[in-house]
C-alpha cells in the first residue's frame, strides 16, 4: 500500500529593508548660529543642547549628519529646512544621501 503525502511549504518572500538616507547640514559662513539651532529644533525635533552640538560640528568640520530616515522622510525634512532658510534669506543648506 502506497500513500502519497504532499507537503505544503510556504515560502515567505524576503523583502529588503528600504535604504535609509542621511540628512546632512552643510556649513556656511553667513547663516547665524542661532538660526541654525532654531531650524534643527523646529524641523528635526532635536533638543537645544543636541541642536547646538550638531550646528557646531557642521561649523568646525564643514558638514554634519543630522539624522537618518527613510528616503522620502529625509528628503521632506531637508526640503522643509531649506525652505525655512530661504524664506529667512539665509544660504543655509541641508542635503540627503543614502546611508552606506
Protein backbone atom coordinates (compact mmCIF):
# COMPACT_ATOMS: atom_id res chain seq x y z
CA UNK A 1 0.00 0.00 0.00
CA UNK A 2 1.43 3.32 -1.09
CA UNK A 3 0.48 6.63 0.47
CA UNK A 4 1.17 9.87 -1.32
CA UNK A 5 1.73 12.70 1.10
CA UNK A 6 2.03 16.20 -0.20
CA UNK A 7 3.89 18.66 1.87
CA UNK A 8 2.84 22.22 1.93
CA UNK A 9 5.69 24.61 2.26
CA UNK A 10 5.13 28.24 2.35
CA UNK A 11 7.92 30.45 1.18
CA UNK A 12 7.84 33.93 2.56
CA UNK A 13 9.44 36.43 0.24
CA UNK A 14 12.33 38.20 1.83
CA UNK A 15 11.99 41.91 1.46
CA UNK A 16 14.97 44.17 1.69
CA UNK A 17 14.62 46.98 4.14
CA UNK A 18 14.28 50.29 2.36
CA UNK A 19 17.57 52.09 2.12
CA UNK A 20 17.80 54.85 4.69
CA UNK A 21 19.09 58.32 3.89
CA UNK A 22 21.17 60.73 5.93
CA UNK A 23 20.15 64.36 6.25
CA UNK A 24 23.33 66.43 6.22
CA UNK A 25 23.76 70.00 7.43
CA UNK A 26 26.29 71.95 5.37
CA UNK A 27 28.20 74.81 6.94
CA UNK A 28 28.17 78.30 5.50
CA UNK A 29 29.80 81.44 6.81
CA UNK A 30 26.70 83.62 6.68
CA UNK A 31 23.79 81.96 8.48
CA UNK A 32 23.63 82.91 12.18
CA UNK A 33 24.26 80.00 14.53
CA UNK A 34 21.08 80.70 16.49
CA UNK A 35 19.02 80.38 13.31
CA UNK A 36 20.61 77.01 12.51
CA UNK A 37 19.75 75.77 16.01
CA UNK A 38 16.16 77.02 15.62
CA UNK A 39 15.76 75.13 12.33
CA UNK A 40 17.18 71.93 13.82
CA UNK A 41 14.78 72.18 16.75
CA UNK A 42 11.74 73.03 14.61
CA UNK A 43 12.16 70.64 11.68
CA UNK A 44 14.02 67.73 13.22
CA UNK A 45 12.57 67.97 16.77
CA UNK A 46 16.05 67.98 18.27
CA UNK A 47 16.63 69.31 21.78
CA UNK A 48 18.52 72.56 22.30
CA UNK A 49 21.83 71.14 23.50
CA UNK A 50 21.94 68.48 20.80
CA UNK A 51 20.96 71.00 18.12
CA UNK A 52 23.81 73.27 19.25
CA UNK A 53 26.29 70.36 19.09
CA UNK A 54 25.17 69.44 15.56
CA UNK A 55 25.47 73.06 14.46
CA UNK A 56 28.93 73.33 15.99
CA UNK A 57 30.20 70.13 14.35
CA UNK A 58 28.98 71.39 10.97
CA UNK A 59 30.63 74.76 11.69
CA UNK A 60 34.00 73.24 12.54
CA UNK A 61 34.07 70.31 10.10
CA UNK A 62 32.07 71.70 7.19
CA UNK A 63 29.16 69.26 7.45
CA UNK A 64 27.33 67.08 9.97
CA UNK A 65 24.78 64.27 9.76
CA UNK A 66 21.62 65.49 11.44
CA UNK A 67 19.63 62.26 11.37
CA UNK A 68 18.81 59.18 9.29
CA UNK A 69 15.34 58.46 7.88
CA UNK A 70 13.62 56.55 5.10
CA UNK A 71 14.32 58.34 1.81
CA UNK A 72 11.01 60.20 1.47
CA UNK A 73 11.11 61.47 5.06
CA UNK A 74 14.75 62.58 4.73
CA UNK A 75 14.03 64.49 1.53
CA UNK A 76 10.93 66.12 3.01
CA UNK A 77 12.76 67.27 6.16
CA UNK A 78 15.74 68.60 4.18
CA UNK A 79 13.38 70.46 1.85
CA UNK A 80 11.42 71.94 4.76
CA UNK A 81 14.63 73.11 6.46
CA UNK A 82 15.94 74.60 3.19
CA UNK A 83 12.64 76.42 2.66
CA UNK A 84 12.79 77.95 6.16
CA UNK A 85 16.31 79.20 5.46
CA UNK A 86 15.37 80.57 2.06
CA UNK A 87 12.31 82.34 3.45
CA UNK A 88 14.53 83.95 6.11
CA UNK A 89 17.08 85.00 3.49
CA UNK A 90 19.85 82.65 4.66
CA UNK A 91 22.01 80.38 2.47
CA UNK A 92 21.75 77.50 4.95
CA UNK A 93 21.58 74.17 3.15
CA UNK A 94 20.61 70.61 4.03
CA UNK A 95 21.20 67.68 1.67
CA UNK A 96 20.45 63.96 1.70
CA UNK A 97 22.43 60.93 0.66
CA UNK A 98 22.00 57.17 1.01
CA UNK A 99 23.31 55.57 4.16
CA UNK A 100 26.07 53.06 3.45
